[in-house]
Amino acid sequence: MDSLRVLIVEDHDDSRESLRWVLELEGHQVAVASTAGRGLSLAREFRPHVALIDVGLPDMSGYDLVRRLRVMPECRHIRLLALTGHVSQADRQRALEAGFDGHLAKPLDPERLVAILAA
């Protein structure tokens, strides 16, 4: 698999760092943010291929962050994946309507994440 630039926007320290660890072991370049505001800045600077975004962030929802990213010309190419503990069909639909490309349930299985990024 080619190396990807992956942005993780997750306010839970352990989750964020374990995702970073898994992705770096797979050879990806990883940037992390614990707030939506920092995630927005990093998306502009880092130009990720993929962003894993928690929908429950402290400063704005992940849904709002995705809506902002989708209107920024330099960020429209990013594959945006929602990270959430909310896994109903309605939650999946809400994520897609907000602009996410996919919906991933927490806790995220590392092997599944690697397979998703390889697709």
N, C-alpha and C. Protein backbone atom coordinates (compact mmCIF):
# COMPACT_ATOMS: atom_id res chain seq x y z
N MET A 1 0.85 -1.17 0.00
CA MET A 1 0.00 0.00 0.00
C MET A 1 0.90 1.24 0.00
N ASP A 2 0.51 2.25 -0.76
CA ASP A 2 1.24 3.51 -0.76
C ASP A 2 1.03 4.24 0.55
N SER A 3 2.01 5.03 0.92
CA SER A 3 1.91 5.84 2.12
C SER A 3 0.90 6.97 1.90
N LEU A 4 0.05 7.15 2.87
CA LEU A 4 -0.96 8.22 2.83
C LEU A 4 -0.66 9.26 3.88
N ARG A 5 -1.13 10.47 3.66
CA ARG A 5 -1.14 11.50 4.70
C ARG A 5 -2.52 11.40 5.35
N VAL A 6 -2.52 11.11 6.66
CA VAL A 6 -3.77 10.90 7.39
C VAL A 6 -3.86 11.90 8.53
N LEU A 7 -4.98 12.59 8.59
CA LEU A 7 -5.28 13.50 9.69
C LEU A 7 -6.25 12.82 10.63
N ILE A 8 -5.93 12.84 11.92
CA ILE A 8 -6.83 12.31 12.95
C ILE A 8 -7.29 13.50 13.80
N VAL A 9 -8.61 13.68 13.89
CA VAL A 9 -9.18 14.72 14.74
C VAL A 9 -10.02 13.99 15.78
N GLU A 10 -9.47 13.88 16.97
CA GLU A 10 -10.06 13.06 18.05
C GLU A 10 -9.67 13.69 19.37
N ASP A 11 -10.65 13.96 20.24
CA ASP A 11 -10.35 14.62 21.51
C ASP A 11 -9.93 13.65 22.61
N HIS A 12 -10.17 12.38 22.45
CA HIS A 12 -9.77 11.40 23.45
C HIS A 12 -8.31 11.01 23.21
N ASP A 13 -7.44 11.35 24.15
CA ASP A 13 -5.99 11.18 23.97
C ASP A 13 -5.59 9.75 23.62
N ASP A 14 -6.09 8.77 24.37
CA ASP A 14 -5.70 7.38 24.12
C ASP A 14 -6.13 6.90 22.74
N SER A 15 -7.35 7.23 22.35
CA SER A 15 -7.84 6.84 21.03
C SER A 15 -7.01 7.47 19.93
N ARG A 16 -6.75 8.76 20.07
CA ARG A 16 -5.97 9.50 19.07
C ARG A 16 -4.57 8.91 18.92
N GLU A 17 -3.92 8.66 20.03
CA GLU A 17 -2.54 8.17 19.98
C GLU A 17 -2.46 6.72 19.51
N SER A 18 -3.45 5.90 19.86
CA SER A 18 -3.41 4.51 19.37
C SER A 18 -3.66 4.47 17.87
N LEU A 19 -4.55 5.32 17.37
CA LEU A 19 -4.75 5.39 15.92
C LEU A 19 -3.48 5.87 15.22
N ARG A 20 -2.85 6.87 15.80
CA ARG A 20 -1.60 7.38 15.21
C ARG A 20 -0.56 6.26 15.15
N TRP A 21 -0.42 5.53 16.22
CA TRP A 21 0.57 4.46 16.31
C TRP A 21 0.33 3.40 15.23
N VAL A 22 -0.92 2.96 15.09
CA VAL A 22 -1.26 1.95 14.09
C VAL A 22 -0.94 2.46 12.69
N LEU A 23 -1.32 3.68 12.40
CA LEU A 23 -1.12 4.22 11.05
C LEU A 23 0.36 4.46 10.74
N GLU A 24 1.11 4.92 11.72
CA GLU A 24 2.54 5.12 11.49
C GLU A 24 3.25 3.78 11.30
N LEU A 25 2.83 2.75 12.02
CA LEU A 25 3.40 1.41 11.82
C LEU A 25 3.15 0.90 10.40
N GLU A 26 2.03 1.33 9.81
CA GLU A 26 1.70 0.95 8.44
C GLU A 26 2.43 1.82 7.41
N GLY A 27 3.22 2.78 7.89
CA GLY A 27 4.00 3.61 6.98
C GLY A 27 3.35 4.90 6.54
N HIS A 28 2.24 5.26 7.16
CA HIS A 28 1.55 6.50 6.79
C HIS A 28 2.12 7.69 7.55
N GLN A 29 1.99 8.86 6.95
CA GLN A 29 2.33 10.12 7.63
C GLN A 29 1.07 10.56 8.36
N VAL A 30 1.20 10.91 9.62
CA VAL A 30 0.02 11.21 10.43
C VAL A 30 0.17 12.55 11.12
N ALA A 31 -0.91 13.34 11.08
CA ALA A 31 -1.02 14.57 11.85
C ALA A 31 -2.23 14.40 12.76
N VAL A 32 -2.15 14.95 13.96
CA VAL A 32 -3.26 14.79 14.91
C VAL A 32 -3.70 16.13 15.47
N ALA A 33 -4.99 16.17 15.81
CA ALA A 33 -5.58 17.34 16.44
C ALA A 33 -6.60 16.87 17.46
N SER A 34 -6.73 17.62 18.55
CA SER A 34 -7.72 17.26 19.57
C SER A 34 -8.96 18.16 19.52
N THR A 35 -8.96 19.16 18.62
CA THR A 35 -10.11 20.04 18.45
C THR A 35 -10.41 20.22 16.97
N ALA A 36 -11.64 20.59 16.67
CA ALA A 36 -12.03 20.84 15.28
C ALA A 36 -11.27 22.03 14.71
N GLY A 37 -11.07 23.06 15.52
CA GLY A 37 -10.34 24.23 15.04
C GLY A 37 -8.93 23.89 14.60
N ARG A 38 -8.25 23.11 15.40
CA ARG A 38 -6.89 22.68 15.03
C ARG A 38 -6.94 21.74 13.83
N GLY A 39 -7.95 20.90 13.77
CA GLY A 39 -8.11 20.01 12.63
C GLY A 39 -8.29 20.78 11.33
N LEU A 40 -9.04 21.87 11.37
CA LEU A 40 -9.23 22.71 10.19
C LEU A 40 -7.90 23.29 9.72
N SER A 41 -7.13 23.81 10.66
CA SER A 41 -5.81 24.37 10.32
C SER A 41 -4.89 23.31 9.73
N LEU A 42 -4.86 22.15 10.36
CA LEU A 42 -4.00 21.08 9.87
C LEU A 42 -4.43 20.58 8.48
N ALA A 43 -5.73 20.56 8.23
CA ALA A 43 -6.21 20.12 6.93
C ALA A 43 -5.67 21.04 5.83
N ARG A 44 -5.64 22.32 6.09
CA ARG A 44 -5.09 23.29 5.12
C ARG A 44 -3.59 23.10 4.94
N GLU A 45 -2.87 22.91 6.04
CA GLU A 45 -1.40 22.84 6.01
C GLU A 45 -0.88 21.48 5.55
N PHE A 46 -1.43 20.43 6.10
CA PHE A 46 -0.94 19.06 5.92
C PHE A 46 -1.44 18.43 4.61
N ARG A 47 -2.59 18.89 4.12
CA ARG A 47 -3.19 18.37 2.89
C ARG A 47 -3.33 16.85 2.92
N PRO A 48 -4.09 16.33 3.89
CA PRO A 48 -4.20 14.87 4.01
C PRO A 48 -4.96 14.25 2.86
N HIS A 49 -4.68 12.99 2.63
CA HIS A 49 -5.47 12.19 1.69
C HIS A 49 -6.77 11.74 2.37
N VAL A 50 -6.65 11.45 3.68
CA VAL A 50 -7.76 10.91 4.47
C VAL A 50 -7.79 11.63 5.81
N ALA A 51 -9.01 11.89 6.31
CA ALA A 51 -9.16 12.43 7.66
C ALA A 51 -10.14 11.55 8.43
N LEU A 52 -9.72 11.15 9.63
CA LEU A 52 -10.57 10.40 10.56
C LEU A 52 -11.05 11.40 11.59
N ILE A 53 -12.35 11.66 11.63
CA ILE A 53 -12.88 12.74 12.45
C ILE A 53 -13.92 12.24 13.43
N ASP A 54 -13.65 12.47 14.71
CA ASP A 54 -14.61 12.16 15.77
C ASP A 54 -15.80 13.11 15.60
N VAL A 55 -17.02 12.60 15.71
CA VAL A 55 -18.17 13.49 15.56
C VAL A 55 -18.45 14.28 16.83
N GLY A 56 -17.92 13.87 17.99
CA GLY A 56 -18.16 14.56 19.25
C GLY A 56 -16.94 15.30 19.74
N LEU A 57 -16.63 16.42 19.11
CA LEU A 57 -15.46 17.22 19.50
C LEU A 57 -15.88 18.35 20.44
N PRO A 58 -14.95 18.87 21.24
CA PRO A 58 -15.32 19.87 22.25
C PRO A 58 -15.70 21.25 21.71
N ASP A 59 -15.12 21.67 20.58
CA ASP A 59 -15.35 23.04 20.13
C ASP A 59 -16.40 23.16 19.02
N MET A 60 -16.62 22.13 18.25
CA MET A 60 -17.71 22.05 17.28
C MET A 60 -17.88 20.58 16.92
N SER A 61 -19.02 20.24 16.40
CA SER A 61 -19.23 18.83 16.07
C SER A 61 -18.39 18.44 14.85
N GLY A 62 -18.11 17.16 14.75
CA GLY A 62 -17.43 16.66 13.57
C GLY A 62 -18.25 16.88 12.32
N TYR A 63 -19.58 16.89 12.45
CA TYR A 63 -20.45 17.17 11.32
C TYR A 63 -20.20 18.59 10.80
N ASP A 64 -20.11 19.54 11.72
CA ASP A 64 -19.86 20.93 11.31
C ASP A 64 -18.46 21.07 10.71
N LEU A 65 -17.50 20.37 11.27
CA LEU A 65 -16.14 20.41 10.72
C LEU A 65 -16.13 19.90 9.28
N VAL A 66 -16.81 18.81 9.02
CA VAL A 66 -16.85 18.25 7.67
C VAL A 66 -17.53 19.22 6.71
N ARG A 67 -18.59 19.84 7.13
CA ARG A 67 -19.26 20.82 6.26
C ARG A 67 -18.30 21.96 5.89
N ARG A 68 -17.50 22.40 6.85
CA ARG A 68 -16.52 23.46 6.56
C ARG A 68 -15.44 22.97 5.60
N LEU A 69 -14.95 21.76 5.83
CA LEU A 69 -13.91 21.22 4.95
C LEU A 69 -14.41 21.06 3.52
N ARG A 70 -15.64 20.65 3.35
CA ARG A 70 -16.19 20.40 2.02
C ARG A 70 -16.29 21.67 1.16
N VAL A 71 -16.37 22.83 1.77
CA VAL A 71 -16.47 24.07 0.99
C VAL A 71 -15.11 24.74 0.75
N MET A 72 -14.07 24.19 1.33
CA MET A 72 -12.73 24.75 1.14
C MET A 72 -12.09 24.07 -0.07
N PRO A 73 -11.77 24.84 -1.13
CA PRO A 73 -11.21 24.23 -2.35
C PRO A 73 -10.01 23.33 -2.09
N GLU A 74 -9.12 23.72 -1.18
CA GLU A 74 -7.92 22.94 -0.92
C GLU A 74 -8.18 21.66 -0.13
N CYS A 75 -9.42 21.47 0.34
CA CYS A 75 -9.74 20.30 1.16
C CYS A 75 -10.80 19.40 0.55
N ARG A 76 -11.32 19.77 -0.59
CA ARG A 76 -12.41 18.99 -1.20
C ARG A 76 -12.02 17.57 -1.58
N HIS A 77 -10.75 17.33 -1.80
CA HIS A 77 -10.27 16.00 -2.23
C HIS A 77 -10.13 15.01 -1.08
N ILE A 78 -10.19 15.48 0.16
CA ILE A 78 -9.92 14.62 1.32
C ILE A 78 -11.04 13.58 1.50
N ARG A 79 -10.63 12.35 1.70
CA ARG A 79 -11.58 11.29 2.05
C ARG A 79 -11.88 11.43 3.53
N LEU A 80 -13.11 11.75 3.88
CA LEU A 80 -13.50 12.06 5.25
C LEU A 80 -14.29 10.90 5.86
N LEU A 81 -13.77 10.37 6.97
CA LEU A 81 -14.39 9.23 7.64
C LEU A 81 -14.78 9.61 9.06
N ALA A 82 -16.05 9.41 9.39
CA ALA A 82 -16.56 9.70 10.73
C ALA A 82 -16.14 8.62 11.70
N LEU A 83 -15.73 9.03 12.89
CA LEU A 83 -15.45 8.11 14.01
C LEU A 83 -16.50 8.38 15.08
N THR A 84 -17.24 7.35 15.46
CA THR A 84 -18.29 7.57 16.44
C THR A 84 -18.71 6.29 17.14
N GLY A 85 -19.23 6.47 18.32
CA GLY A 85 -19.82 5.36 19.05
C GLY A 85 -21.29 5.18 18.71
N HIS A 86 -21.83 6.12 17.93
CA HIS A 86 -23.23 6.06 17.52
C HIS A 86 -23.31 5.28 16.21
N VAL A 87 -23.93 4.11 16.25
CA VAL A 87 -23.83 3.20 15.11
C VAL A 87 -25.16 2.79 14.48
N SER A 88 -26.22 3.51 14.78
CA SER A 88 -27.50 3.17 14.16
C SER A 88 -27.50 3.57 12.69
N GLN A 89 -28.48 3.08 11.95
CA GLN A 89 -28.62 3.46 10.54
C GLN A 89 -28.84 4.97 10.42
N ALA A 90 -29.60 5.54 11.35
CA ALA A 90 -29.83 6.99 11.33
C ALA A 90 -28.52 7.76 11.54
N ASP A 91 -27.64 7.24 12.41
CA ASP A 91 -26.34 7.88 12.63
C ASP A 91 -25.48 7.82 11.37
N ARG A 92 -25.50 6.68 10.71
CA ARG A 92 -24.75 6.54 9.45
C ARG A 92 -25.27 7.53 8.41
N GLN A 93 -26.59 7.61 8.31
CA GLN A 93 -27.21 8.51 7.34
C GLN A 93 -26.86 9.97 7.65
N ARG A 94 -26.90 10.33 8.91
CA ARG A 94 -26.55 11.70 9.31
C ARG A 94 -25.12 12.03 8.90
N ALA A 95 -24.20 11.09 9.10
CA ALA A 95 -22.81 11.31 8.73
C ALA A 95 -22.66 11.52 7.22
N LEU A 96 -23.33 10.70 6.44
CA LEU A 96 -23.25 10.84 4.98
C LEU A 96 -23.87 12.15 4.52
N GLU A 97 -24.99 12.53 5.12
CA GLU A 97 -25.64 13.79 4.75
C GLU A 97 -24.78 15.00 5.11
N ALA A 98 -23.99 14.89 6.16
CA ALA A 98 -23.11 15.99 6.57
C ALA A 98 -21.92 16.14 5.63
N GLY A 99 -21.62 15.09 4.87
CA GLY A 99 -20.50 15.17 3.93
C GLY A 99 -19.40 14.15 4.16
N PHE A 100 -19.56 13.29 5.15
CA PHE A 100 -18.58 12.22 5.36
C PHE A 100 -18.68 11.21 4.21
N ASP A 101 -17.55 10.59 3.88
CA ASP A 101 -17.52 9.55 2.87
C ASP A 101 -17.78 8.17 3.46
N GLY A 102 -17.63 8.05 4.78
CA GLY A 102 -17.83 6.78 5.45
C GLY A 102 -18.05 6.99 6.93
N HIS A 103 -18.51 5.94 7.60
CA HIS A 103 -18.89 5.98 9.01
C HIS A 103 -18.25 4.79 9.70
N LEU A 104 -17.35 5.03 10.65
CA LEU A 104 -16.63 3.97 11.35
C LEU A 104 -17.01 3.96 12.82
N ALA A 105 -17.37 2.78 13.32
CA ALA A 105 -17.78 2.64 14.71
C ALA A 105 -16.58 2.51 15.62
N LYS A 106 -16.66 3.17 16.78
CA LYS A 106 -15.65 3.02 17.83
C LYS A 106 -16.09 1.88 18.74
N PRO A 107 -15.18 1.14 19.32
CA PRO A 107 -13.74 1.21 19.09
C PRO A 107 -13.40 0.63 17.72
N LEU A 108 -12.47 1.26 17.06
CA LEU A 108 -12.10 0.89 15.70
C LEU A 108 -11.08 -0.24 15.70
N ASP A 109 -11.39 -1.29 14.98
CA ASP A 109 -10.48 -2.42 14.84
C ASP A 109 -9.32 -2.00 13.94
N PRO A 110 -8.07 -2.08 14.41
CA PRO A 110 -6.93 -1.64 13.60
C PRO A 110 -6.82 -2.34 12.25
N GLU A 111 -7.09 -3.63 12.20
CA GLU A 111 -7.00 -4.35 10.92
C GLU A 111 -8.06 -3.85 9.95
N ARG A 112 -9.23 -3.54 10.46
CA ARG A 112 -10.29 -3.01 9.59
C ARG A 112 -9.90 -1.64 9.05
N LEU A 113 -9.32 -0.81 9.91
CA LEU A 113 -8.89 0.52 9.48
C LEU A 113 -7.86 0.42 8.37
N VAL A 114 -6.88 -0.46 8.53
CA VAL A 114 -5.84 -0.64 7.52
C VAL A 114 -6.48 -1.08 6.20
N ALA A 115 -7.44 -1.99 6.28
CA ALA A 115 -8.11 -2.48 5.07
C ALA A 115 -8.92 -1.36 4.40
N ILE A 116 -9.58 -0.53 5.18
CA ILE A 116 -10.36 0.57 4.64
C ILE A 116 -9.44 1.57 3.93
N LEU A 117 -8.32 1.87 4.51
CA LEU A 117 -7.40 2.82 3.90
C LEU A 117 -6.76 2.26 2.65
N ALA A 118 -6.63 0.95 2.57
CA ALA A 118 -6.03 0.33 1.39
C ALA A 118 -7.01 0.29 0.22
N ALA A 119 -8.30 0.42 0.50
CA ALA A 119 -9.32 0.31 -0.56
C ALA A 119 -9.38 1.56 -1.41
